[in-house]
């Protein structure tokens, strides 16, 4: 019976942890929360450690979330201590957009 109580206790603890997790602020899925239209809505890749993986992820994100658009210009900006890549994109019809990526956690690292 002791094993059953331990298993039940572990199950209950895991259930409580899972239920208390707030998915609306989960940075593991930034594309579901942020749209990249402003620095405040900048896309964040929380597991990126440097530009070797971060920059390709930016372009992949653009390709997946803005089909038909191509990058035309990229800028690095600083705002209130945060570093951002701003990638300007354009489609065949001349529609232009700016996409912001918060790169503060990996700026300057390979």
Foldseek 3Di string as FASTA:
>chain_A
DVVVVVVVVVVVVVVVVVVPDDPQPDLCCLVVNAPQQDQVRAREHVVDAADVPVVVVVVVCCCVVPPQKDWDDWDWDDDPNWIWIWTWIAHPVGDIGIGIHTCRNHPPHD
